[in-house]
């Protein structure tokens, strides 16, 4: 095998490094300064008045960045037209919210949950459930009509956050021989499932669910996620009222 001359090899390395640096620093300087401070750019969009728009987020908070025509200054904020219409909302929805929603849904899918209902049911709902949460038990009961009719599948992401024995109870449910049946019995019982030692794998699943709960910035159980009729992600905290419940389930009570 013939080797490249040293000078040519060095030239290729230099070119490769230059290309890599260029790829890392492709934002205009004022925008790059914001990126260096932790801002994430999700996409660019056309803006009026000679401005260049950038859809961004920082620690889950979405924001629009506008680069001035001279390329030397950036403004973070909401752009309004002469009638007071928000010109930043649509680009942020397209570039930031939709992508964030898809990411959250994927995280929910990849979490550790108990299947409640027909796995072939068209409507999928994820709910964070603590074994010691009375409102989780209430939501479980509220959902029975749709679940038993085969219209909805609830996926209970088991967490342990409310009491000292919540993690062990959540692990006992996830580690049960028939988790769905164990969850049904637990929710129907006054005393519920007893905390018990489980394998390291199961305990780590509860820990991962707890981390997801905290990472999403959630504060209460149940917190439930579903996709509305437009396919957008919706979040509901607590046991919902009937009208909201029907919206979550996608139909009137069977």
Protein backbone atom coordinates (compact mmCIF):
# COMPACT_ATOMS: atom_id res chain seq x y z
CA UNK A 1 0.00 0.00 0.00
CA UNK A 2 1.37 3.43 -0.98
CA UNK A 3 1.43 6.12 1.71
CA UNK A 4 0.67 9.78 1.10
CA UNK A 5 3.57 12.24 1.18
CA UNK A 6 3.99 13.84 4.59
CA UNK A 7 3.25 17.32 3.27
CA UNK A 8 0.01 16.16 1.66
CA UNK A 9 -1.00 14.29 4.81
CA UNK A 10 -0.40 17.38 6.92
CA UNK A 11 -2.41 19.41 4.45
CA UNK A 12 -5.35 17.02 4.71
CA UNK A 13 -5.21 17.12 8.52
CA UNK A 14 -5.14 20.90 8.47
CA UNK A 15 -8.06 21.00 6.04
CA UNK A 16 -10.02 18.55 8.19
CA UNK A 17 -9.43 20.58 11.34
CA UNK A 18 -10.33 23.79 9.57
CA UNK A 19 -13.57 22.27 8.27
CA UNK A 20 -14.46 20.96 11.72
CA UNK A 21 -13.86 24.35 13.32
CA UNK A 22 -15.91 26.05 10.62
CA UNK A 23 -18.77 23.63 11.25
CA UNK A 24 -18.65 24.40 14.96
CA UNK A 25 -18.62 28.18 14.43
CA UNK A 26 -21.14 28.62 11.65
CA UNK A 27 -23.37 31.05 13.61
CA UNK A 28 -22.89 34.81 13.25
CA UNK A 29 -20.77 36.20 16.08
CA UNK A 30 -23.60 37.65 18.23
CA UNK A 31 -25.58 34.41 17.95
CA UNK A 32 -22.48 32.35 18.65
CA UNK A 33 -21.94 34.40 21.81
CA UNK A 34 -25.37 33.30 23.01
CA UNK A 35 -24.64 29.68 22.06
CA UNK A 36 -21.43 29.88 24.10
CA UNK A 37 -23.56 30.94 27.08
CA UNK A 38 -25.72 27.83 26.80
CA UNK A 39 -28.38 28.77 24.24
CA UNK A 40 -29.42 25.99 21.84
CA UNK A 41 -30.35 26.96 18.28
CA UNK A 42 -33.07 24.74 16.81
CA UNK A 43 -33.53 26.43 13.44
CA UNK A 44 -33.43 29.60 11.38
CA UNK A 45 -36.42 31.44 9.95
CA UNK A 46 -37.18 34.46 7.80
CA UNK A 47 -38.02 37.66 9.66
CA UNK A 48 -39.18 41.07 8.41
CA UNK A 49 -37.22 44.31 8.41
CA UNK A 50 -34.02 42.70 7.19
CA UNK A 51 -33.71 40.68 10.37
CA UNK A 52 -32.60 37.04 10.50
CA UNK A 53 -34.52 34.89 12.97
CA UNK A 54 -33.27 32.00 15.10
CA UNK A 55 -35.52 29.70 17.12
CA UNK A 56 -33.72 28.86 20.35
CA UNK A 57 -34.14 27.48 23.85
CA UNK A 58 -32.31 27.65 27.16
CA UNK A 59 -32.98 25.15 29.95
CA UNK A 60 -36.32 24.26 28.41
CA UNK A 61 -37.41 27.87 27.90
CA UNK A 62 -38.02 28.78 24.27
CA UNK A 63 -36.98 32.14 22.86
CA UNK A 64 -36.52 33.92 19.55
CA UNK A 65 -33.24 35.60 18.59
CA UNK A 66 -33.11 38.27 15.89
CA UNK A 67 -29.89 39.24 14.13
CA UNK A 68 -29.73 42.84 12.88
CA UNK A 69 -29.04 43.44 9.15
CA UNK A 70 -25.44 44.48 9.85
CA UNK A 71 -24.80 41.10 11.50
CA UNK A 72 -23.21 42.75 14.50
CA UNK A 73 -26.06 42.69 17.01
CA UNK A 74 -28.63 40.18 18.30
CA UNK A 75 -31.89 40.86 20.12
CA UNK A 76 -33.70 38.23 22.21
CA UNK A 77 -37.44 38.71 22.51
CA UNK A 78 -40.85 38.77 20.84
CA UNK A 79 -41.30 40.47 17.47
CA UNK A 80 -44.64 42.24 16.91
CA UNK A 81 -46.11 43.77 13.75
CA UNK A 82 -48.04 47.05 13.50
CA UNK A 83 -51.27 45.32 14.59
CA UNK A 84 -49.63 43.77 17.64
CA UNK A 85 -49.51 40.26 16.20
CA UNK A 86 -46.83 37.97 17.66
CA UNK A 87 -44.47 37.07 14.80
CA UNK A 88 -42.27 34.87 17.00
CA UNK A 89 -44.88 32.31 18.06
CA UNK A 90 -45.20 30.34 14.81
CA UNK A 91 -41.44 29.87 14.22
CA UNK A 92 -40.93 28.81 17.83
CA UNK A 93 -43.78 26.35 17.54
CA UNK A 94 -42.35 24.88 14.34
CA UNK A 95 -38.70 24.69 15.31
CA UNK A 96 -38.71 24.32 19.10
CA UNK A 97 -41.98 23.09 20.59
CA UNK A 98 -42.70 20.34 18.08
CA UNK A 99 -39.17 18.97 18.42
CA UNK A 100 -39.28 19.15 22.21
CA UNK A 101 -42.62 17.36 22.26
CA UNK A 102 -41.25 14.55 20.10
CA UNK A 103 -38.26 14.24 22.41
CA UNK A 104 -40.45 14.07 25.52
CA UNK A 105 -42.71 11.44 23.91
CA UNK A 106 -39.69 9.32 23.07
CA UNK A 107 -38.44 9.60 26.66
CA UNK A 108 -41.83 8.44 27.90
CA UNK A 109 -41.81 5.50 25.48
CA UNK A 110 -38.36 4.45 26.67
CA UNK A 111 -39.19 4.72 30.37
CA UNK A 112 -40.26 1.80 32.58
CA UNK A 113 -44.01 1.44 32.71
CA UNK A 114 -46.82 -0.99 33.42
CA UNK A 115 -49.26 -1.66 30.61
CA UNK A 116 -52.86 -1.06 31.69
CA UNK A 117 -55.38 -2.07 29.04
CA UNK A 118 -55.36 -3.51 25.55
CA UNK A 119 -51.87 -3.15 24.01
CA UNK A 120 -53.58 -2.74 20.63
CA UNK A 121 -55.70 0.20 21.79
CA UNK A 122 -55.16 3.13 19.45
CA UNK A 123 -54.89 5.82 22.12
CA UNK A 124 -51.78 5.73 24.32
CA UNK A 125 -51.55 7.75 27.53
CA UNK A 126 -48.55 7.94 29.83
CA UNK A 127 -49.07 8.75 33.49
CA UNK A 128 -46.54 9.06 36.32
CA UNK A 129 -47.85 6.97 39.20
CA UNK A 130 -46.63 6.83 42.80
CA UNK A 131 -47.95 3.81 44.76
CA UNK A 132 -48.79 6.05 47.72
CA UNK A 133 -50.63 8.69 45.67
CA UNK A 134 -54.42 8.81 46.33
CA UNK A 135 -54.96 10.97 43.24
CA UNK A 136 -53.23 8.32 41.13
CA UNK A 137 -55.72 5.78 42.47
CA UNK A 138 -58.54 8.18 41.63
CA UNK A 139 -57.29 8.70 38.07
CA UNK A 140 -56.92 4.93 37.70
CA UNK A 141 -60.59 4.55 38.64
CA UNK A 142 -61.66 7.44 36.38
CA UNK A 143 -60.06 5.77 33.37
CA UNK A 144 -61.70 2.34 33.76
CA UNK A 145 -64.54 2.92 31.25
CA UNK A 146 -62.16 3.67 28.38
CA UNK A 147 -59.54 1.10 29.35
CA UNK A 148 -62.03 -1.73 29.79
CA UNK A 149 -63.71 -0.82 26.50
CA UNK A 150 -60.35 -1.32 24.76
CA UNK A 151 -60.20 2.29 23.59
CA UNK A 152 -57.26 3.46 25.70
CA UNK A 153 -54.05 1.96 27.00
CA UNK A 154 -52.60 3.60 30.06
CA UNK A 155 -48.89 3.23 30.60
CA UNK A 156 -48.08 3.79 34.27
CA UNK A 157 -44.54 5.12 34.72
CA UNK A 158 -43.90 3.97 38.27
CA UNK A 159 -42.08 6.47 40.48
CA UNK A 160 -41.29 6.59 44.17
CA UNK A 161 -41.33 10.17 45.42
CA UNK A 162 -44.11 10.77 47.97
CA UNK A 163 -43.10 8.62 50.95
CA UNK A 164 -40.02 6.79 52.15
CA UNK A 165 -41.45 3.42 51.07
CA UNK A 166 -42.70 4.66 47.68
CA UNK A 167 -39.57 3.51 45.74
CA UNK A 168 -39.78 0.00 47.21
CA UNK A 169 -43.51 -0.23 46.47
CA UNK A 170 -42.97 1.00 42.91
CA UNK A 171 -40.22 -1.60 42.49
CA UNK A 172 -42.51 -4.32 43.87
CA UNK A 173 -45.14 -3.45 41.26
CA UNK A 174 -42.65 -3.30 38.36
CA UNK A 175 -41.06 -6.55 39.52
CA UNK A 176 -44.30 -8.46 40.02
CA UNK A 177 -44.87 -11.62 38.00
CA UNK A 178 -47.92 -9.93 36.44
CA UNK A 179 -47.38 -6.18 36.89
CA UNK A 180 -50.74 -5.12 35.43
CA UNK A 181 -52.67 -7.45 37.75
CA UNK A 182 -50.54 -6.35 40.71
CA UNK A 183 -51.28 -2.71 39.94
CA UNK A 184 -55.02 -3.40 39.66
CA UNK A 185 -55.00 -5.17 43.01
CA UNK A 186 -52.94 -2.41 44.59
CA UNK A 187 -55.28 0.36 43.43
CA UNK A 188 -58.35 -1.59 44.53
CA UNK A 189 -56.97 -2.34 48.01
CA UNK A 190 -57.00 -0.09 51.06
CA UNK A 191 -53.60 -1.33 52.22
CA UNK A 192 -52.00 -1.75 48.80
CA UNK A 193 -48.87 -3.66 47.90
CA UNK A 194 -46.19 -4.20 50.52
CA UNK A 195 -42.73 -2.77 49.97
CA UNK A 196 -40.28 -5.53 49.14
CA UNK A 197 -36.70 -5.91 47.96
CA UNK A 198 -36.28 -6.35 44.23
CA UNK A 199 -33.42 -6.99 41.88
CA UNK A 200 -30.92 -4.21 41.24
CA UNK A 201 -32.27 -3.93 37.69
CA UNK A 202 -35.81 -3.19 38.89
CA UNK A 203 -34.61 -0.72 41.52
CA UNK A 204 -32.61 1.09 38.85
CA UNK A 205 -35.73 1.29 36.68
CA UNK A 206 -37.57 3.13 39.46
CA UNK A 207 -34.57 5.42 39.91
CA UNK A 208 -34.51 6.16 36.17
CA UNK A 209 -38.24 6.97 36.24
CA UNK A 210 -37.66 9.32 39.17
CA UNK A 211 -34.88 11.02 37.23
CA UNK A 212 -37.16 11.45 34.23
CA UNK A 213 -39.89 12.91 36.47
CA UNK A 214 -37.44 15.45 37.87
CA UNK A 215 -35.85 16.13 34.48
CA UNK A 216 -39.22 17.08 33.04
CA UNK A 217 -39.67 19.56 35.87
CA UNK A 218 -42.74 17.78 37.26
CA UNK A 219 -44.03 18.44 40.74
CA UNK A 220 -47.06 16.19 41.31
CA UNK A 221 -48.50 12.76 40.67
CA UNK A 222 -50.33 11.82 38.66
CA UNK A 223 -48.91 13.85 35.79
CA UNK A 224 -50.27 12.56 32.53
CA UNK A 225 -49.20 13.06 28.92
CA UNK A 226 -51.27 12.44 25.81
CA UNK A 227 -51.51 13.62 22.21
CA UNK A 228 -54.51 15.74 21.32
CA UNK A 229 -56.52 15.54 18.10
CA UNK A 230 -53.95 17.74 16.35
CA UNK A 231 -51.17 15.41 17.42
CA UNK A 232 -49.69 17.89 19.88
CA UNK A 233 -48.48 16.87 23.32
CA UNK A 234 -50.69 17.78 26.27
CA UNK A 235 -49.86 17.54 29.98
CA UNK A 236 -52.39 17.21 32.82
CA UNK A 237 -51.50 17.35 36.50
CA UNK A 238 -53.70 15.61 39.04
CA UNK A 239 -57.01 13.79 38.60
CA UNK A 240 -58.92 15.74 35.92
CA UNK A 241 -62.51 16.93 35.85
CA UNK A 242 -64.90 15.03 33.54
CA UNK A 243 -64.62 17.40 30.56
CA UNK A 244 -60.83 17.32 30.62
CA UNK A 245 -60.91 13.57 31.20
CA UNK A 246 -62.93 13.04 28.01
CA UNK A 247 -60.48 15.22 26.08
CA UNK A 248 -57.59 13.11 27.42
CA UNK A 249 -59.32 9.85 26.54
CA UNK A 250 -60.31 11.11 23.10
CA UNK A 251 -64.04 10.40 23.37
CA UNK A 252 -67.09 10.60 25.67
CA UNK A 253 -67.28 7.99 28.40
CA UNK A 254 -68.24 4.60 26.85
